[in-house]
Every structure is written in structure tokens, then in C-alpha cells.
Amino acid sequence: MWLLVVVLLVALMIPITAILLDSPLGRSVARRLEGQGDGAVGGGSAGAGVRQLERRVEVLETDLEELNRSITGMREELQFVQRLLEDPRKKKPGS
């Protein structure tokens, strides 16, 4: 009985972990962990500061691309809902 529970728990944890790691929260945690590891290596030189700024710009560009995709999806959803609300009688007579 316990073996079945453990197997079921492991089987359910795999997709849940994948979903969490692929979420914006998981990406944010990964970026923070990556940033903490690079801080000790840089040593405070000007080159390290430039590299850190380049990474920040890349992160901001990635976030901007994600936001643009999200806004595009929301726009499409809004247009769909507006079409539904405009005239619900435009449905085909068979449906």
C-alpha cells in the first residue's frame, strides 16, 4: 500500500516540478542563483561590472519579449470576447 502511495507521489511530482521550473517564478529563482554565483568571481573590476550590466540587459530583454507575447495573447482573447458580445445571434442556425 505504501509503495503505491510513494510511486503515485513521485509520478505526480515530476510534472508539478516541470511546471514550476518553467514558470516565471522558477526562471526568476534561477536568475537570482546565477547572479549570486557570478558576484564572487567578478572581484569588483570594471569588466565584471560591464558583464553584470550586459546580463541585466539580457534579462530585461527576455522579460520584455515575454510581456509582449503575453500582451499579444490578451489582445487576441479580448478581440474574441468582443466579437462574442457584439452580436450573439450571428451564430450559425445549425448550432
Protein backbone atom coordinates (compact mmCIF):
# COMPACT_ATOMS: atom_id res chain seq x y z
CA MET A 1 0.00 0.00 0.00
CA TRP A 2 2.75 2.42 0.99
CA LEU A 3 4.70 1.53 -2.12
CA LEU A 4 1.73 2.50 -4.27
CA VAL A 5 1.44 5.84 -2.45
CA VAL A 6 5.15 6.58 -2.91
CA VAL A 7 5.07 5.67 -6.61
CA LEU A 8 1.98 7.80 -7.15
CA LEU A 9 3.52 10.72 -5.27
CA VAL A 10 6.72 10.55 -7.33
CA ALA A 11 4.72 10.27 -10.55
CA LEU A 12 2.72 13.38 -9.67
CA MET A 13 5.74 15.38 -8.51
CA ILE A 14 7.52 15.09 -11.88
CA PRO A 15 5.01 17.20 -13.90
CA ILE A 16 4.46 19.59 -10.99
CA THR A 17 8.22 20.21 -10.75
CA ALA A 18 8.45 20.73 -14.52
CA ILE A 19 5.62 23.26 -14.43
CA LEU A 20 7.16 25.18 -11.53
CA LEU A 21 10.62 25.27 -13.10
CA ASP A 22 9.24 26.55 -16.40
CA SER A 23 7.13 29.23 -14.72
CA PRO A 24 8.23 32.87 -14.37
CA LEU A 25 8.83 32.20 -10.68
CA GLY A 26 11.24 29.35 -11.48
CA ARG A 27 13.08 31.49 -14.02
CA SER A 28 13.38 34.30 -11.50
CA VAL A 29 14.87 31.98 -8.89
CA ALA A 30 17.32 30.62 -11.49
CA ARG A 31 18.41 34.16 -12.43
CA ARG A 32 18.98 35.05 -8.79
CA LEU A 33 21.01 31.90 -8.18
CA GLU A 34 23.03 32.60 -11.31
CA GLY A 35 23.67 36.18 -10.20
CA GLN A 36 24.87 35.12 -6.73
CA GLY A 37 27.41 32.73 -8.23
CA ASP A 38 28.86 35.39 -10.54
CA GLY A 39 29.24 38.07 -7.87
CA ALA A 40 32.12 36.34 -6.09
CA VAL A 41 34.01 35.64 -9.30
CA GLY A 42 33.97 39.23 -10.59
CA GLY A 43 36.04 40.73 -7.79
CA GLY A 44 34.75 44.28 -8.35
CA SER A 45 36.69 45.11 -11.54
CA ALA A 46 35.23 47.33 -14.25
CA GLY A 47 34.95 44.39 -16.68
CA ALA A 48 32.85 42.46 -14.18
CA GLY A 49 30.53 45.45 -13.82
CA VAL A 50 30.07 45.65 -17.57
CA ARG A 51 29.36 41.91 -17.78
CA GLN A 52 26.83 42.23 -14.98
CA LEU A 53 25.10 45.09 -16.79
CA GLU A 54 25.07 43.06 -20.01
CA ARG A 55 23.39 40.19 -18.17
CA ARG A 56 20.83 42.54 -16.68
CA VAL A 57 20.05 43.96 -20.13
CA GLU A 58 19.63 40.42 -21.49
CA VAL A 59 17.28 39.56 -18.63
CA LEU A 60 15.26 42.72 -19.24
CA GLU A 61 15.06 41.97 -22.97
CA THR A 62 13.86 38.45 -22.22
CA ASP A 63 11.24 39.76 -19.80
CA LEU A 64 10.14 42.32 -22.38
CA GLU A 65 9.72 39.61 -25.02
CA GLU A 66 7.65 37.52 -22.59
CA LEU A 67 5.46 40.53 -21.78
CA ASN A 68 4.96 41.28 -25.48
CA ARG A 69 3.87 37.68 -26.10
CA SER A 70 1.52 37.88 -23.14
CA ILE A 71 0.01 41.17 -24.32
CA THR A 72 -0.48 39.77 -27.82
CA GLY A 73 -2.34 36.78 -26.38
CA MET A 74 -4.51 39.03 -24.22
CA ARG A 75 -5.31 41.21 -27.24
CA GLU A 76 -6.45 38.18 -29.20
CA GLU A 77 -8.59 36.97 -26.29
CA LEU A 78 -10.15 40.42 -25.91
CA GLN A 79 -10.98 40.59 -29.61
CA PHE A 80 -12.59 37.16 -29.41
CA VAL A 81 -14.72 38.16 -26.41
CA GLN A 82 -15.72 41.41 -28.09
CA ARG A 83 -16.85 39.50 -31.19
CA LEU A 84 -18.93 37.23 -28.99
CA LEU A 85 -20.51 40.13 -27.15
CA GLU A 86 -21.25 42.22 -30.25
CA ASP A 87 -24.00 40.02 -31.69
CA PRO A 88 -24.58 36.60 -30.18
CA ARG A 89 -27.32 35.96 -32.78
CA LYS A 90 -24.70 35.71 -35.54
CA LYS A 91 -24.32 32.03 -34.72
CA LYS A 92 -24.95 29.53 -37.45
CA PRO A 93 -28.57 28.29 -37.50
CA GLY A 94 -27.45 24.66 -37.13
CA SER A 95 -25.73 25.21 -33.77
